[in-house]
C-alpha atoms as a PDB file:
ATOM      1  CA  GLN A   1     -60.381 -23.509  -7.914  1.00  0.00           C
ATOM      2  CA  VAL A   2     -56.632 -24.134  -8.058  1.00  0.00           C
ATOM      3  CA  GLN A   3     -54.627 -24.734  -4.900  1.00  0.00           C
ATOM      4  CA  LEU A   4     -50.878 -25.160  -4.447  1.00  0.00           C
ATOM      5  CA  VAL A   5     -49.385 -27.433  -1.795  1.00  0.00           C
ATOM      6  CA  GLU A   6     -45.678 -27.171  -0.985  1.00  0.00           C
ATOM      7  CA  SER A   7     -43.355 -29.542   0.806  1.00  0.00           C
ATOM      8  CA  GLY A   8     -39.660 -30.064   1.417  1.00  0.00           C
ATOM      9  CA  GLY A   9     -38.535 -27.150   3.560  1.00  0.00           C
ATOM     10  CA  GLY A  10     -36.476 -27.576   6.700  1.00  0.00           C
ATOM     11  CA  LEU A  11     -33.261 -26.826   8.521  1.00  0.00           C
ATOM     12  CA  VAL A  12     -29.925 -27.490   6.841  1.00  0.00           C
ATOM     13  CA  GLN A  13     -26.314 -26.491   7.412  1.00  0.00           C
ATOM     14  CA  ALA A  14     -24.548 -24.169   5.022  1.00  0.00           C
ATOM     15  CA  GLY A  15     -23.339 -26.079   1.999  1.00  0.00           C
ATOM     16  CA  GLY A  16     -26.177 -28.559   2.224  1.00  0.00           C
ATOM     17  CA  SER A  17     -29.080 -29.258  -0.106  1.00  0.00           C
ATOM     18  CA  LEU A  18     -32.862 -29.262  -0.020  1.00  0.00           C
ATOM     19  CA  ARG A  19     -35.528 -30.042  -2.600  1.00  0.00           C
ATOM     20  CA  LEU A  20     -38.833 -28.210  -2.571  1.00  0.00           C
ATOM     21  CA  SER A  21     -41.928 -29.608  -4.241  1.00  0.00           C
ATOM     22  CA  CYS A  22     -45.204 -27.946  -5.174  1.00  0.00           C
ATOM     23  CA  ALA A  23     -48.271 -29.610  -6.612  1.00  0.00           C
ATOM     24  CA  ALA A  24     -51.280 -27.839  -8.087  1.00  0.00           C
ATOM     25  CA  SER A  25     -54.755 -29.260  -7.636  1.00  0.00           C
ATOM     26  CA  GLY A  26     -57.677 -28.241  -9.798  1.00  0.00           C
ATOM     27  CA  ARG A  27     -57.268 -27.118 -13.402  1.00  0.00           C
ATOM     28  CA  PRO A  28     -54.418 -24.701 -14.050  1.00  0.00           C
ATOM     29  CA  PHE A  29     -54.626 -22.980 -17.406  1.00  0.00           C
ATOM     30  CA  SER A  30     -52.332 -24.309 -20.096  1.00  0.00           C
ATOM     31  CA  ASN A  31     -49.205 -22.386 -21.114  1.00  0.00           C
ATOM     32  CA  ASN A  32     -48.644 -21.180 -17.582  1.00  0.00           C
ATOM     33  CA  ILE A  33     -45.634 -20.221 -15.514  1.00  0.00           C
ATOM     34  CA  MET A  34     -44.840 -21.818 -12.182  1.00  0.00           C
ATOM     35  CA  GLY A  35     -42.103 -20.769  -9.849  1.00  0.00           C
ATOM     36  CA  TRP A  36     -40.808 -19.877  -6.441  1.00  0.00           C
ATOM     37  CA  HIS A  37     -40.482 -16.658  -4.518  1.00  0.00           C
ATOM     38  CA  ARG A  38     -38.957 -16.267  -1.090  1.00  0.00           C
ATOM     39  CA  GLN A  39     -39.243 -13.793   1.746  1.00  0.00           C
ATOM     40  CA  ALA A  40     -36.586 -13.321   4.409  1.00  0.00           C
ATOM     41  CA  PRO A  41     -37.451 -11.699   7.759  1.00  0.00           C
ATOM     42  CA  GLY A  42     -37.843  -7.957   7.298  1.00  0.00           C
ATOM     43  CA  GLN A  43     -37.350  -8.230   3.548  1.00  0.00           C
ATOM     44  CA  GLN A  44     -39.634  -7.984   0.542  1.00  0.00           C
ATOM     45  CA  ARG A  45     -40.685 -11.105  -1.302  1.00  0.00           C
ATOM     46  CA  GLU A  46     -38.358 -11.776  -4.240  1.00  0.00           C
ATOM     47  CA  MET A  47     -38.424 -14.059  -7.258  1.00  0.00           C
ATOM     48  CA  VAL A  48     -36.108 -17.042  -6.972  1.00  0.00           C
ATOM     49  CA  ALA A  49     -36.840 -19.080 -10.090  1.00  0.00           C
ATOM     50  CA  ARG A  50     -39.609 -19.662 -12.604  1.00  0.00           C
ATOM     51  CA  ILE A  51     -40.319 -22.058 -15.446  1.00  0.00           C
ATOM     52  CA  THR A  52     -42.764 -21.966 -18.323  1.00  0.00           C
ATOM     53  CA  SER A  53     -44.877 -24.865 -19.523  1.00  0.00           C
ATOM     54  CA  ARG A  54     -42.342 -25.333 -22.320  1.00  0.00           C
ATOM     55  CA  GLY A  55     -39.437 -25.512 -19.904  1.00  0.00           C
ATOM     56  CA  SER A  56     -37.868 -22.081 -20.260  1.00  0.00           C
ATOM     57  CA  THR A  57     -36.301 -21.022 -16.983  1.00  0.00           C
ATOM     58  CA  ASP A  58     -35.278 -17.823 -15.262  1.00  0.00           C
ATOM     59  CA  TYR A  59     -33.307 -17.412 -12.031  1.00  0.00           C
ATOM     60  CA  ALA A  60     -32.402 -14.668  -9.620  1.00  0.00           C
ATOM     61  CA  ASP A  61     -28.707 -13.811  -9.932  1.00  0.00           C
ATOM     62  CA  SER A  62     -28.140 -14.821  -6.314  1.00  0.00           C
ATOM     63  CA  VAL A  63     -29.097 -18.465  -6.959  1.00  0.00           C
ATOM     64  CA  LYS A  64     -27.767 -19.073 -10.468  1.00  0.00           C
ATOM     65  CA  GLY A  65     -25.529 -22.128 -10.580  1.00  0.00           C
ATOM     66  CA  ARG A  66     -26.827 -23.395  -7.236  1.00  0.00           C
ATOM     67  CA  PHE A  67     -30.591 -23.834  -7.695  1.00  0.00           C
ATOM     68  CA  THR A  68     -32.392 -25.776 -10.421  1.00  0.00           C
ATOM     69  CA  ILE A  69     -36.088 -25.500 -11.167  1.00  0.00           C
ATOM     70  CA  SER A  70     -37.980 -28.236 -12.999  1.00  0.00           C
ATOM     71  CA  ARG A  71     -41.569 -29.245 -13.573  1.00  0.00           C
ATOM     72  CA  ASP A  72     -43.775 -32.181 -14.428  1.00  0.00           C
ATOM     73  CA  ASN A  73     -46.675 -30.937 -16.546  1.00  0.00           C
ATOM     74  CA  ALA A  74     -48.547 -34.231 -16.251  1.00  0.00           C
ATOM     75  CA  LYS A  75     -48.626 -33.782 -12.472  1.00  0.00           C
ATOM     76  CA  ASN A  76     -48.979 -29.983 -12.485  1.00  0.00           C
ATOM     77  CA  ALA A  77     -45.945 -29.949 -10.221  1.00  0.00           C
ATOM     78  CA  VAL A  78     -42.846 -27.812  -9.903  1.00  0.00           C
ATOM     79  CA  TYR A  79     -39.640 -28.560  -8.033  1.00  0.00           C
ATOM     80  CA  LEU A  80     -36.709 -26.530  -6.757  1.00  0.00           C
ATOM     81  CA  GLN A  81     -33.413 -28.314  -6.138  1.00  0.00           C
ATOM     82  CA  MET A  82     -31.288 -26.113  -3.891  1.00  0.00           C
ATOM     83  CA  ASN A  83     -27.590 -26.941  -3.560  1.00  0.00           C
ATOM     84  CA  SER A  84     -24.695 -25.175  -1.841  1.00  0.00           C
ATOM     85  CA  LEU A  85     -27.141 -23.420   0.441  1.00  0.00           C
ATOM     86  CA  LYS A  86     -26.059 -20.275   2.256  1.00  0.00           C
ATOM     87  CA  PRO A  87     -27.444 -18.565   5.369  1.00  0.00           C
ATOM     88  CA  GLY A  88     -28.681 -15.814   3.041  1.00  0.00           C
ATOM     89  CA  ASP A  89     -31.046 -18.334   1.448  1.00  0.00           C
ATOM     90  CA  THR A  90     -33.037 -18.502   4.682  1.00  0.00           C
ATOM     91  CA  GLY A  91     -36.671 -17.503   4.360  1.00  0.00           C
ATOM     92  CA  VAL A  92     -40.173 -18.645   3.589  1.00  0.00           C
ATOM     93  CA  TYR A  93     -40.410 -20.069   0.083  1.00  0.00           C
ATOM     94  CA  TYR A  94     -43.690 -19.631  -1.776  1.00  0.00           C
ATOM     95  CA  CYS A  95     -44.740 -21.573  -4.823  1.00  0.00           C
ATOM     96  CA  TYR A  96     -46.800 -19.702  -7.375  1.00  0.00           C
ATOM     97  CA  LEU A  97     -48.754 -20.232 -10.559  1.00  0.00           C
ATOM     98  CA  ASN A  98     -49.477 -17.313 -12.860  1.00  0.00           C
ATOM     99  CA  SER A  99     -52.622 -18.535 -14.573  1.00  0.00           C
ATOM    100  CA  PRO A 100     -54.809 -18.339 -12.602  1.00  0.00           C
ATOM    101  CA  LEU A 101     -52.667 -16.372 -10.138  1.00  0.00           C
ATOM    102  CA  THR A 102     -52.288 -18.633  -7.123  1.00  0.00           C
ATOM    103  CA  TRP A 103     -49.862 -18.767  -4.192  1.00  0.00           C
ATOM    104  CA  GLY A 104     -48.953 -21.636  -1.914  1.00  0.00           C
ATOM    105  CA  GLN A 105     -48.968 -21.338   1.858  1.00  0.00           C
ATOM    106  CA  GLY A 106     -45.180 -21.168   2.089  1.00  0.00           C
ATOM    107  CA  THR A 107     -42.533 -23.485   3.459  1.00  0.00           C
ATOM    108  CA  GLN A 108     -39.710 -22.443   5.779  1.00  0.00           C
ATOM    109  CA  VAL A 109     -36.102 -22.933   4.726  1.00  0.00           C
ATOM    110  CA  THR A 110     -33.456 -22.243   7.349  1.00  0.00           C
ATOM    111  CA  VAL A 111     -29.742 -22.462   6.583  1.00  0.00           C
ATOM    112  CA  SER A 112     -27.426 -22.413   9.585  1.00  0.00           C
ATOM    113  CA  SER A 113     -23.835 -21.240   9.416  1.00  0.00           C
END
């Protein structure tokens, strides 16, 4: 059974940076996609960024140029470097793996103005 463990959330002022990490235990399938979604209070969960095993990336328009997703296949880990954070980035960030479909428990990111 695969499990995802996230770390790195917290409270930061607008303009600051945070780095989220997510490590998968167990045996994820090869050729998978890992990524991050987020959910703000009262909002639906939305895709933030995702990366394939080969390194192809995709970002939500709202974070392009500010966030960078990367991964370490040897560690089954994915990272999200978040720069120039805005109050609108506040929410719970969830790591996910598509194969098998698995979600992390979520980590809170709060950006103060």
